[in-house]
PDB file of N, CA and C in Angstrom:
ATOM      1  N   MET A   1      -9.864  -8.812  -2.560  1.00  0.00           N
ATOM      2  CA  MET A   1      -9.710  -8.307  -1.228  1.00  0.00           C
ATOM      3  C   MET A   1      -9.521  -6.783  -1.225  1.00  0.00           C
ATOM      4  N   LEU A   2      -8.826  -6.263  -2.217  1.00  0.00           N
ATOM      5  CA  LEU A   2      -8.567  -4.828  -2.250  1.00  0.00           C
ATOM      6  C   LEU A   2      -9.708  -4.023  -2.852  1.00  0.00           C
ATOM      7  N   SER A   3     -10.570  -4.660  -3.622  1.00  0.00           N
ATOM      8  CA  SER A   3     -11.622  -3.938  -4.341  1.00  0.00           C
ATOM      9  C   SER A   3     -12.441  -3.004  -3.456  1.00  0.00           C
ATOM     10  N   PRO A   4     -12.912  -3.438  -2.277  1.00  0.00           N
ATOM     11  CA  PRO A   4     -13.717  -2.518  -1.462  1.00  0.00           C
ATOM     12  C   PRO A   4     -12.976  -1.254  -1.068  1.00  0.00           C
ATOM     13  N   MET A   5     -11.653  -1.350  -0.913  1.00  0.00           N
ATOM     14  CA  MET A   5     -10.865  -0.194  -0.524  1.00  0.00           C
ATOM     15  C   MET A   5     -10.955   0.929  -1.554  1.00  0.00           C
ATOM     16  N   PHE A   6     -11.150   0.552  -2.805  1.00  0.00           N
ATOM     17  CA  PHE A   6     -11.178   1.556  -3.867  1.00  0.00           C
ATOM     18  C   PHE A   6     -12.507   2.287  -3.951  1.00  0.00           C
ATOM     19  N   SER A   7     -13.475   1.895  -3.136  1.00  0.00           N
ATOM     20  CA  SER A   7     -14.754   2.606  -3.132  1.00  0.00           C
ATOM     21  C   SER A   7     -14.928   3.453  -1.880  1.00  0.00           C
ATOM     22  N   PHE A   8     -13.930   3.482  -0.983  1.00  0.00           N
ATOM     23  CA  PHE A   8     -14.029   4.319   0.204  1.00  0.00           C
ATOM     24  C   PHE A   8     -14.101   5.781  -0.224  1.00  0.00           C
ATOM     25  N   PRO A   9     -14.983   6.552   0.385  1.00  0.00           N
ATOM     26  CA  PRO A   9     -15.058   7.974   0.029  1.00  0.00           C
ATOM     27  C   PRO A   9     -13.830   8.730   0.533  1.00  0.00           C
ATOM     28  N   GLY A  10     -13.463   9.755  -0.211  1.00  0.00           N
ATOM     29  CA  GLY A  10     -12.408  10.650   0.235  1.00  0.00           C
ATOM     30  C   GLY A  10     -10.995  10.224  -0.080  1.00  0.00           C
ATOM     31  N   GLY A  11     -10.808   9.075  -0.682  1.00  0.00           N
ATOM     32  CA  GLY A  11      -9.462   8.617  -0.983  1.00  0.00           C
ATOM     33  C   GLY A  11      -9.050   8.983  -2.395  1.00  0.00           C
ATOM     34  N   LEU A  12      -7.812   8.705  -2.695  1.00  0.00           N
ATOM     35  CA  LEU A  12      -7.271   8.920  -4.035  1.00  0.00           C
ATOM     36  C   LEU A  12      -6.721   7.604  -4.554  1.00  0.00           C
ATOM     37  N   THR A  13      -6.894   7.357  -5.839  1.00  0.00           N
ATOM     38  CA  THR A  13      -6.353   6.169  -6.469  1.00  0.00           C
ATOM     39  C   THR A  13      -5.229   6.579  -7.403  1.00  0.00           C
ATOM     40  N   PHE A  14      -4.126   5.864  -7.332  1.00  0.00           N
ATOM     41  CA  PHE A  14      -2.967   6.106  -8.184  1.00  0.00           C
ATOM     42  C   PHE A  14      -2.754   4.851  -9.023  1.00  0.00           C
ATOM     43  N   VAL A  15      -2.414   5.042 -10.292  1.00  0.00           N
ATOM     44  CA  VAL A  15      -2.164   3.904 -11.169  1.00  0.00           C
ATOM     45  C   VAL A  15      -0.869   4.102 -11.941  1.00  0.00           C
ATOM     46  N   ALA A  16      -0.255   2.984 -12.322  1.00  0.00           N
ATOM     47  CA  ALA A  16       0.896   2.998 -13.216  1.00  0.00           C
ATOM     48  C   ALA A  16       0.487   2.248 -14.471  1.00  0.00           C
ATOM     49  N   GLU A  17       0.772   2.827 -15.609  1.00  0.00           N
ATOM     50  CA  GLU A  17       0.411   2.221 -16.890  1.00  0.00           C
ATOM     51  C   GLU A  17       1.660   1.933 -17.704  1.00  0.00           C
ATOM     52  N   ILE A  18       1.610   0.835 -18.425  1.00  0.00           N
ATOM     53  CA  ILE A  18       2.627   0.503 -19.425  1.00  0.00           C
ATOM     54  C   ILE A  18       1.875   0.148 -20.696  1.00  0.00           C
ATOM     55  N   ASP A  19       2.189   0.845 -21.770  1.00  0.00           N
ATOM     56  CA  ASP A  19       1.523   0.640 -23.059  1.00  0.00           C
ATOM     57  C   ASP A  19      -0.002   0.704 -22.927  1.00  0.00           C
ATOM     58  N   GLY A  20      -0.480   1.651 -22.117  1.00  0.00           N
ATOM     59  CA  GLY A  20      -1.913   1.868 -21.978  1.00  0.00           C
ATOM     60  C   GLY A  20      -2.632   0.885 -21.070  1.00  0.00           C
ATOM     61  N   GLN A  21      -1.901  -0.039 -20.459  1.00  0.00           N
ATOM     62  CA  GLN A  21      -2.517  -1.025 -19.557  1.00  0.00           C
ATOM     63  C   GLN A  21      -2.140  -0.680 -18.119  1.00  0.00           C
ATOM     64  N   ILE A  22      -3.146  -0.666 -17.228  1.00  0.00           N
ATOM     65  CA  ILE A  22      -2.864  -0.455 -15.810  1.00  0.00           C
ATOM     66  C   ILE A  22      -2.175  -1.706 -15.283  1.00  0.00           C
ATOM     67  N   VAL A  23      -0.966  -1.534 -14.748  1.00  0.00           N
ATOM     68  CA  VAL A  23      -0.184  -2.678 -14.278  1.00  0.00           C
ATOM     69  C   VAL A  23       0.089  -2.613 -12.774  1.00  0.00           C
ATOM     70  N   ALA A  24      -0.137  -1.456 -12.176  1.00  0.00           N
ATOM     71  CA  ALA A  24       0.041  -1.315 -10.731  1.00  0.00           C
ATOM     72  C   ALA A  24      -0.903  -0.235 -10.238  1.00  0.00           C
ATOM     73  N   ASN A  25      -1.298  -0.358  -8.981  1.00  0.00           N
ATOM     74  CA  ASN A  25      -2.178   0.658  -8.411  1.00  0.00           C
ATOM     75  C   ASN A  25      -1.855   0.812  -6.943  1.00  0.00           C
ATOM     76  N   GLY A  26      -2.329   1.889  -6.409  1.00  0.00           N
ATOM     77  CA  GLY A  26      -2.184   2.150  -4.987  1.00  0.00           C
ATOM     78  C   GLY A  26      -3.296   3.073  -4.557  1.00  0.00           C
ATOM     79  N   ARG A  27      -3.720   2.899  -3.364  1.00  0.00           N
ATOM     80  CA  ARG A  27      -4.822   3.694  -2.842  1.00  0.00           C
ATOM     81  C   ARG A  27      -4.331   4.512  -1.666  1.00  0.00           C
ATOM     82  N   TRP A  28      -4.838   5.658  -1.578  1.00  0.00           N
ATOM     83  CA  TRP A  28      -4.657   6.515  -0.427  1.00  0.00           C
ATOM     84  C   TRP A  28      -6.043   6.607   0.169  1.00  0.00           C
ATOM     85  N   PRO A  29      -6.463   5.556   0.890  1.00  0.00           N
ATOM     86  CA  PRO A  29      -7.853   5.471   1.319  1.00  0.00           C
ATOM     87  C   PRO A  29      -8.228   6.437   2.408  1.00  0.00           C
ATOM     88  N   GLU A  30      -7.273   6.915   3.122  1.00  0.00           N
ATOM     89  CA  GLU A  30      -7.624   7.834   4.189  1.00  0.00           C
ATOM     90  C   GLU A  30      -6.436   8.718   4.498  1.00  0.00           C
ATOM     91  N   SER A  31      -6.742   9.887   4.947  1.00  0.00           N
ATOM     92  CA  SER A  31      -5.689  10.764   5.436  1.00  0.00           C
ATOM     93  C   SER A  31      -6.298  11.629   6.517  1.00  0.00           C
ATOM     94  N   SER A  32      -5.454  12.141   7.315  1.00  0.00           N
ATOM     95  CA  SER A  32      -5.895  13.034   8.364  1.00  0.00           C
ATOM     96  C   SER A  32      -4.943  14.214   8.409  1.00  0.00           C
ATOM     97  N   PRO A  33      -5.094  15.134   7.442  1.00  0.00           N
ATOM     98  CA  PRO A  33      -4.188  16.279   7.439  1.00  0.00           C
ATOM     99  C   PRO A  33      -4.218  17.051   8.755  1.00  0.00           C
ATOM    100  N   SER A  34      -5.363  17.041   9.461  1.00  0.00           N
ATOM    101  CA  SER A  34      -5.401  17.738  10.745  1.00  0.00           C
ATOM    102  C   SER A  34      -4.477  17.054  11.744  1.00  0.00           C
ATOM    103  N   ASN A  35      -4.315  15.729  11.612  1.00  0.00           N
ATOM    104  CA  ASN A  35      -3.362  15.003  12.451  1.00  0.00           C
ATOM    105  C   ASN A  35      -2.028  14.807  11.748  1.00  0.00           C
ATOM    106  N   LYS A  36      -1.955  15.235  10.489  1.00  0.00           N
ATOM    107  CA  LYS A  36      -0.744  15.160   9.667  1.00  0.00           C
ATOM    108  C   LYS A  36      -0.293  13.734   9.396  1.00  0.00           C
ATOM    109  N   ILE A  37      -1.273  12.797   9.281  1.00  0.00           N
ATOM    110  CA  ILE A  37      -0.967  11.383   9.073  1.00  0.00           C
ATOM    111  C   ILE A  37      -1.705  10.883   7.835  1.00  0.00           C
ATOM    112  N   VAL A  38      -1.020  10.062   7.025  1.00  0.00           N
ATOM    113  CA  VAL A  38      -1.661   9.398   5.894  1.00  0.00           C
ATOM    114  C   VAL A  38      -1.399   7.894   6.010  1.00  0.00           C
ATOM    115  N   GLY A  39      -2.415   7.107   5.679  1.00  0.00           N
ATOM    116  CA  GLY A  39      -2.261   5.657   5.618  1.00  0.00           C
ATOM    117  C   GLY A  39      -2.074   5.242   4.170  1.00  0.00           C
ATOM    118  N   LEU A  40      -1.001   4.531   3.868  1.00  0.00           N
ATOM    119  CA  LEU A  40      -0.700   4.099   2.500  1.00  0.00           C
ATOM    120  C   LEU A  40      -0.808   2.582   2.431  1.00  0.00           C
ATOM    121  N   TYR A  41      -1.889   2.102   1.890  1.00  0.00           N
ATOM    122  CA  TYR A  41      -2.052   0.665   1.739  1.00  0.00           C
ATOM    123  C   TYR A  41      -3.016   0.405   0.600  1.00  0.00           C
ATOM    124  N   GLY A  42      -3.242  -0.845   0.299  1.00  0.00           N
ATOM    125  CA  GLY A  42      -4.114  -1.177  -0.818  1.00  0.00           C
ATOM    126  C   GLY A  42      -3.395  -1.039  -2.146  1.00  0.00           C
ATOM    127  N   ALA A  43      -2.178  -1.565  -2.243  1.00  0.00           N
ATOM    128  CA  ALA A  43      -1.406  -1.472  -3.480  1.00  0.00           C
ATOM    129  C   ALA A  43      -1.243  -2.855  -4.088  1.00  0.00           C
ATOM    130  N   GLY A  44      -1.073  -2.876  -5.381  1.00  0.00           N
ATOM    131  CA  GLY A  44      -0.828  -4.147  -6.055  1.00  0.00           C
ATOM    132  C   GLY A  44      -0.165  -3.930  -7.399  1.00  0.00           C
ATOM    133  N   THR A  45       0.577  -4.942  -7.828  1.00  0.00           N
ATOM    134  CA  THR A  45       1.246  -4.927  -9.127  1.00  0.00           C
ATOM    135  C   THR A  45       0.984  -6.271  -9.791  1.00  0.00           C
ATOM    136  N   LEU A  46       0.624  -6.245 -11.068  1.00  0.00           N
ATOM    137  CA  LEU A  46       0.422  -7.495 -11.793  1.00  0.00           C
ATOM    138  C   LEU A  46       1.708  -8.316 -11.773  1.00  0.00           C
ATOM    139  N   ASN A  47       1.564  -9.619 -11.614  1.00  0.00           N
ATOM    140  CA  ASN A  47       2.734 -10.504 -11.495  1.00  0.00           C
ATOM    141  C   ASN A  47       3.767 -10.274 -12.587  1.00  0.00           C
ATOM    142  N   ALA A  48       3.322 -10.136 -13.814  1.00  0.00           N
ATOM    143  CA  ALA A  48       4.255 -10.000 -14.936  1.00  0.00           C
ATOM    144  C   ALA A  48       5.076  -8.712 -14.878  1.00  0.00           C
ATOM    145  N   TYR A  49       4.675  -7.753 -14.053  1.00  0.00           N
ATOM    146  CA  TYR A  49       5.353  -6.461 -13.989  1.00  0.00           C
ATOM    147  C   TYR A  49       6.087  -6.238 -12.673  1.00  0.00           C
ATOM    148  N   ARG A  50       6.150  -7.255 -11.838  1.00  0.00           N
ATOM    149  CA  ARG A  50       6.863  -7.116 -10.562  1.00  0.00           C
ATOM    150  C   ARG A  50       8.365  -7.087 -10.788  1.00  0.00           C
ATOM    151  N   GLY A  51       9.070  -6.500  -9.846  1.00  0.00           N
ATOM    152  CA  GLY A  51      10.529  -6.420  -9.937  1.00  0.00           C
ATOM    153  C   GLY A  51      11.019  -5.281 -10.810  1.00  0.00           C
ATOM    154  N   ARG A  52      10.143  -4.350 -11.167  1.00  0.00           N
ATOM    155  CA  ARG A  52      10.523  -3.220 -12.024  1.00  0.00           C
ATOM    156  C   ARG A  52      10.514  -1.884 -11.294  1.00  0.00           C
ATOM    157  N   GLY A  53      10.280  -1.911  -9.980  1.00  0.00           N
ATOM    158  CA  GLY A  53      10.277  -0.664  -9.213  1.00  0.00           C
ATOM    159  C   GLY A  53       8.952   0.072  -9.190  1.00  0.00           C
ATOM    160  N   LEU A  54       7.900  -0.568  -9.687  1.00  0.00           N
ATOM    161  CA  LEU A  54       6.604   0.120  -9.743  1.00  0.00           C
ATOM    162  C   LEU A  54       6.037   0.397  -8.356  1.00  0.00           C
ATOM    163  N   GLN A  55       6.136  -0.563  -7.448  1.00  0.00           N
ATOM    164  CA  GLN A  55       5.599  -0.335  -6.106  1.00  0.00           C
ATOM    165  C   GLN A  55       6.343   0.807  -5.419  1.00  0.00           C
ATOM    166  N   THR A  56       7.655   0.825  -5.566  1.00  0.00           N
ATOM    167  CA  THR A  56       8.443   1.909  -4.969  1.00  0.00           C
ATOM    168  C   THR A  56       8.035   3.249  -5.558  1.00  0.00           C
ATOM    169  N   ALA A  57       7.866   3.310  -6.868  1.00  0.00           N
ATOM    170  CA  ALA A  57       7.442   4.559  -7.513  1.00  0.00           C
ATOM    171  C   ALA A  57       6.062   4.985  -7.031  1.00  0.00           C
ATOM    172  N   MET A  58       5.164   4.020  -6.866  1.00  0.00           N
ATOM    173  CA  MET A  58       3.818   4.340  -6.385  1.00  0.00           C
ATOM    174  C   MET A  58       3.868   4.857  -4.946  1.00  0.00           C
ATOM    175  N   LEU A  59       4.694   4.259  -4.103  1.00  0.00           N
ATOM    176  CA  LEU A  59       4.847   4.729  -2.727  1.00  0.00           C
ATOM    177  C   LEU A  59       5.400   6.149  -2.706  1.00  0.00           C
ATOM    178  N   GLN A  60       6.425   6.393  -3.516  1.00  0.00           N
ATOM    179  CA  GLN A  60       7.018   7.724  -3.558  1.00  0.00           C
ATOM    180  C   GLN A  60       6.000   8.766  -4.010  1.00  0.00           C
ATOM    181  N   ARG A  61       5.219   8.434  -5.024  1.00  0.00           N
ATOM    182  CA  ARG A  61       4.227   9.393  -5.537  1.00  0.00           C
ATOM    183  C   ARG A  61       3.131   9.664  -4.516  1.00  0.00           C
ATOM    184  N   ARG A  62       2.685   8.612  -3.827  1.00  0.00           N
ATOM    185  CA  ARG A  62       1.647   8.809  -2.812  1.00  0.00           C
ATOM    186  C   ARG A  62       2.185   9.611  -1.632  1.00  0.00           C
ATOM    187  N   MET A  63       3.445   9.382  -1.250  1.00  0.00           N
ATOM    188  CA  MET A  63       4.028  10.174  -0.160  1.00  0.00           C
ATOM    189  C   MET A  63       4.179  11.633  -0.576  1.00  0.00           C
ATOM    190  N   GLN A  64       4.523  11.871  -1.839  1.00  0.00           N
ATOM    191  CA  GLN A  64       4.624  13.239  -2.337  1.00  0.00           C
ATOM    192  C   GLN A  64       3.267  13.933  -2.256  1.00  0.00           C
ATOM    193  N   ALA A  65       2.219  13.254  -2.707  1.00  0.00           N
ATOM    194  CA  ALA A  65       0.866  13.827  -2.665  1.00  0.00           C
ATOM    195  C   ALA A  65       0.440  14.094  -1.223  1.00  0.00           C
ATOM    196  N   ALA A  66       0.778  13.180  -0.322  1.00  0.00           N
ATOM    197  CA  ALA A  66       0.425  13.367   1.087  1.00  0.00           C
ATOM    198  C   ALA A  66       1.146  14.570   1.675  1.00  0.00           C
ATOM    199  N   ALA A  67       2.424  14.729   1.346  1.00  0.00           N
ATOM    200  CA  ALA A  67       3.183  15.882   1.836  1.00  0.00           C
ATOM    201  C   ALA A  67       2.573  17.175   1.306  1.00  0.00           C
ATOM    202  N   GLU A  68       2.182  17.175   0.035  1.00  0.00           N
ATOM    203  CA  GLU A  68       1.552  18.361  -0.553  1.00  0.00           C
ATOM    204  C   GLU A  68       0.224  18.672   0.125  1.00  0.00           C
ATOM    205  N   ALA A  69      -0.443  17.644   0.681  1.00  0.00           N
ATOM    206  CA  ALA A  69      -1.718  17.831   1.377  1.00  0.00           C
ATOM    207  C   ALA A  69      -1.518  18.216   2.840  1.00  0.00           C
ATOM    208  N   GLY A  70      -0.255  18.302   3.285  1.00  0.00           N
ATOM    209  CA  GLY A  70       0.021  18.727   4.643  1.00  0.00           C
ATOM    210  C   GLY A  70       0.321  17.611   5.623  1.00  0.00           C
ATOM    211  N   CYS A  71       0.415  16.384   5.138  1.00  0.00           N
ATOM    212  CA  CYS A  71       0.742  15.264   6.029  1.00  0.00           C
ATOM    213  C   CYS A  71       2.245  15.229   6.292  1.00  0.00           C
ATOM    214  N   GLU A  72       2.603  14.923   7.530  1.00  0.00           N
ATOM    215  CA  GLU A  72       4.011  14.824   7.907  1.00  0.00           C
ATOM    216  C   GLU A  72       4.419  13.392   8.233  1.00  0.00           C
ATOM    217  N   TYR A  73       3.436  12.524   8.435  1.00  0.00           N
ATOM    218  CA  TYR A  73       3.712  11.136   8.808  1.00  0.00           C
ATOM    219  C   TYR A  73       2.933  10.204   7.894  1.00  0.00           C
ATOM    220  N   ALA A  74       3.516   9.047   7.619  1.00  0.00           N
ATOM    221  CA  ALA A  74       2.841   8.039   6.807  1.00  0.00           C
ATOM    222  C   ALA A  74       2.994   6.687   7.490  1.00  0.00           C
ATOM    223  N   VAL A  75       1.951   5.875   7.362  1.00  0.00           N
ATOM    224  CA  VAL A  75       1.998   4.510   7.886  1.00  0.00           C
ATOM    225  C   VAL A  75       1.697   3.550   6.746  1.00  0.00           C
ATOM    226  N   ILE A  76       2.347   2.400   6.797  1.00  0.00           N
ATOM    227  CA  ILE A  76       2.140   1.339   5.814  1.00  0.00           C
ATOM    228  C   ILE A  76       1.962   0.044   6.589  1.00  0.00           C
ATOM    229  N   ILE A  77       1.027  -0.762   6.140  1.00  0.00           N
ATOM    230  CA  ILE A  77       0.822  -2.078   6.741  1.00  0.00           C
ATOM    231  C   ILE A  77       1.207  -3.118   5.704  1.00  0.00           C
ATOM    232  N   THR A  78       2.159  -3.995   6.053  1.00  0.00           N
ATOM    233  CA  THR A  78       2.583  -5.075   5.152  1.00  0.00           C
ATOM    234  C   THR A  78       2.721  -6.358   5.953  1.00  0.00           C
ATOM    235  N   GLN A  79       2.813  -7.440   5.245  1.00  0.00           N
ATOM    236  CA  GLN A  79       3.172  -8.687   5.905  1.00  0.00           C
ATOM    237  C   GLN A  79       4.682  -8.678   6.101  1.00  0.00           C
ATOM    238  N   GLY A  80       5.121  -9.240   7.223  1.00  0.00           N
ATOM    239  CA  GLY A  80       6.542  -9.259   7.533  1.00  0.00           C
ATOM    240  C   GLY A  80       7.335 -10.111   6.555  1.00  0.00           C
ATOM    241  N   GLY A  81       8.552  -9.664   6.277  1.00  0.00           N
ATOM    242  CA  GLY A  81       9.460 -10.425   5.434  1.00  0.00           C
ATOM    243  C   GLY A  81       9.118 -10.424   3.959  1.00  0.00           C
ATOM    244  N   THR A  82       8.264  -9.519   3.531  1.00  0.00           N
ATOM    245  CA  THR A  82       7.838  -9.486   2.131  1.00  0.00           C
ATOM    246  C   THR A  82       8.595  -8.411   1.353  1.00  0.00           C
ATOM    247  N   THR A  83       8.447  -8.471   0.044  1.00  0.00           N
ATOM    248  CA  THR A  83       9.004  -7.422  -0.813  1.00  0.00           C
ATOM    249  C   THR A  83       8.413  -6.075  -0.426  1.00  0.00           C
ATOM    250  N   SER A  84       7.132  -6.053  -0.078  1.00  0.00           N
ATOM    251  CA  SER A  84       6.494  -4.796   0.334  1.00  0.00           C
ATOM    252  C   SER A  84       7.188  -4.206   1.552  1.00  0.00           C
ATOM    253  N   GLN A  85       7.505  -5.033   2.532  1.00  0.00           N
ATOM    254  CA  GLN A  85       8.205  -4.534   3.717  1.00  0.00           C
ATOM    255  C   GLN A  85       9.579  -3.999   3.325  1.00  0.00           C
ATOM    256  N   ARG A  86      10.313  -4.739   2.504  1.00  0.00           N
ATOM    257  CA  ARG A  86      11.648  -4.288   2.087  1.00  0.00           C
ATOM    258  C   ARG A  86      11.566  -2.974   1.305  1.00  0.00           C
ATOM    259  N   ASN A  87      10.585  -2.849   0.416  1.00  0.00           N
ATOM    260  CA  ASN A  87      10.426  -1.599  -0.338  1.00  0.00           C
ATOM    261  C   ASN A  87      10.159  -0.427   0.596  1.00  0.00           C
ATOM    262  N   ALA A  88       9.287  -0.630   1.572  1.00  0.00           N
ATOM    263  CA  ALA A  88       8.965   0.438   2.517  1.00  0.00           C
ATOM    264  C   ALA A  88      10.190   0.822   3.342  1.00  0.00           C
ATOM    265  N   GLU A  89      10.942  -0.177   3.793  1.00  0.00           N
ATOM    266  CA  GLU A  89      12.136   0.113   4.589  1.00  0.00           C
ATOM    267  C   GLU A  89      13.184   0.862   3.772  1.00  0.00           C
ATOM    268  N   ARG A  90      13.305   0.553   2.492  1.00  0.00           N
ATOM    269  CA  ARG A  90      14.246   1.283   1.630  1.00  0.00           C
ATOM    270  C   ARG A  90      13.864   2.757   1.521  1.00  0.00           C
ATOM    271  N   LEU A  91      12.568   3.055   1.713  1.00  0.00           N
ATOM    272  CA  LEU A  91      12.108   4.443   1.653  1.00  0.00           C
ATOM    273  C   LEU A  91      12.102   5.113   3.026  1.00  0.00           C
ATOM    274  N   GLY A  92      12.654   4.438   4.027  1.00  0.00           N
ATOM    275  CA  GLY A  92      12.790   5.058   5.342  1.00  0.00           C
ATOM    276  C   GLY A  92      11.786   4.620   6.387  1.00  0.00           C
ATOM    277  N   PHE A  93      10.836   3.782   6.029  1.00  0.00           N
ATOM    278  CA  PHE A  93       9.885   3.278   7.024  1.00  0.00           C
ATOM    279  C   PHE A  93      10.593   2.276   7.923  1.00  0.00           C
ATOM    280  N   ARG A  94      10.165   2.199   9.158  1.00  0.00           N
ATOM    281  CA  ARG A  94      10.704   1.249  10.116  1.00  0.00           C
ATOM    282  C   ARG A  94       9.557   0.503  10.776  1.00  0.00           C
ATOM    283  N   VAL A  95       9.804  -0.756  11.130  1.00  0.00           N
ATOM    284  CA  VAL A  95       8.780  -1.579  11.776  1.00  0.00           C
ATOM    285  C   VAL A  95       8.457  -0.994  13.145  1.00  0.00           C
ATOM    286  N   ALA A  96       7.173  -0.746  13.374  1.00  0.00           N
ATOM    287  CA  ALA A  96       6.729  -0.233  14.665  1.00  0.00           C
ATOM    288  C   ALA A  96       6.288  -1.377  15.568  1.00  0.00           C
ATOM    289  N   TYR A  97       5.687  -2.392  14.993  1.00  0.00           N
ATOM    290  CA  TYR A  97       5.264  -3.571  15.744  1.00  0.00           C
ATOM    291  C   TYR A  97       4.962  -4.673  14.753  1.00  0.00           C
ATOM    292  N   SER A  98       4.892  -5.894  15.246  1.00  0.00           N
ATOM    293  CA  SER A  98       4.505  -7.002  14.379  1.00  0.00           C
ATOM    294  C   SER A  98       3.237  -7.625  14.932  1.00  0.00           C
ATOM    295  N   LYS A  99       2.511  -8.277  14.056  1.00  0.00           N
ATOM    296  CA  LYS A  99       1.231  -8.879  14.419  1.00  0.00           C
ATOM    297  C   LYS A  99       1.208 -10.296  13.871  1.00  0.00           C
ATOM    298  N   ALA A 100       0.806 -11.229  14.690  1.00  0.00           N
ATOM    299  CA  ALA A 100       0.684 -12.612  14.237  1.00  0.00           C
ATOM    300  C   ALA A 100      -0.721 -12.824  13.670  1.00  0.00           C
ATOM    301  N   THR A 101      -0.783 -13.416  12.508  1.00  0.00           N
ATOM    302  CA  THR A 101      -2.057 -13.797  11.915  1.00  0.00           C
ATOM    303  C   THR A 101      -2.128 -15.316  11.948  1.00  0.00           C
ATOM    304  N   LEU A 102      -3.084 -15.838  12.660  1.00  0.00           N
ATOM    305  CA  LEU A 102      -3.211 -17.279  12.827  1.00  0.00           C
ATOM    306  C   LEU A 102      -4.338 -17.799  11.954  1.00  0.00           C
ATOM    307  N   VAL A 103      -4.100 -18.921  11.309  1.00  0.00           N
ATOM    308  CA  VAL A 103      -5.087 -19.521  10.413  1.00  0.00           C
ATOM    309  C   VAL A 103      -5.269 -20.976  10.810  1.00  0.00           C
ATOM    310  N   LYS A 104      -6.507 -21.421  10.840  1.00  0.00           N
ATOM    311  CA  LYS A 104      -6.797 -22.817  11.140  1.00  0.00           C
ATOM    312  C   LYS A 104      -7.707 -23.349  10.058  1.00  0.00           C
ATOM    313  N   GLN A 105      -7.339 -24.476   9.486  1.00  0.00           N
ATOM    314  CA  GLN A 105      -8.158 -25.106   8.467  1.00  0.00           C
ATOM    315  C   GLN A 105      -9.409 -25.679   9.116  1.00  0.00           C
ATOM    316  N   PRO A 106     -10.542 -25.553   8.471  1.00  0.00           N
ATOM    317  CA  PRO A 106     -11.753 -26.153   9.035  1.00  0.00           C
ATOM    318  C   PRO A 106     -11.638 -27.690   8.973  1.00  0.00           C
ATOM    319  N   PRO A 107     -12.303 -28.387   9.875  1.00  0.00           N
ATOM    320  CA  PRO A 107     -12.217 -29.842   9.862  1.00  0.00           C
ATOM    321  C   PRO A 107     -12.768 -30.404   8.554  1.00  0.00           C
ATOM    322  N   VAL A 108     -12.126 -31.452   8.089  1.00  0.00           N
ATOM    323  CA  VAL A 108     -12.568 -32.115   6.863  1.00  0.00           C
ATOM    324  C   VAL A 108     -13.762 -33.019   7.222  1.00  0.00           C
ATOM    325  N   PRO A 109     -14.869 -32.859   6.504  1.00  0.00           N
ATOM    326  CA  PRO A 109     -16.045 -33.704   6.803  1.00  0.00           C
ATOM    327  C   PRO A 109     -15.698 -35.181   6.595  1.00  0.00           C
ATOM    328  N   SER A 110     -16.185 -36.015   7.477  1.00  0.00           N
ATOM    329  CA  SER A 110     -15.910 -37.462   7.356  1.00  0.00           C
ATOM    330  C   SER A 110     -16.935 -38.144   6.488  1.00  0.00           C
TER     331      SER A 110
END
């Protein structure tokens, strides 16, 4: 699902490595320094490396890069009640709105 995001033009990719292996990544797929806004999404951490602060470090590094590029605001999109939401809130982000995602299973053929 995230793969296409890494081919968007104009973005930056950030990675975290442990022992030469990429274990976490984050994308800065778009920014609008003229509007002073950066969107921070498209991040992931390998299951075996979760709970080590990598996502928080990646968020901090991407926010630093955005500030250096002249951005004053950042937005993050996460699913509610997730570790991603908690990590973002610990860094000062606040929920602006929530969105319901509805899923319906297709009918089972008889």
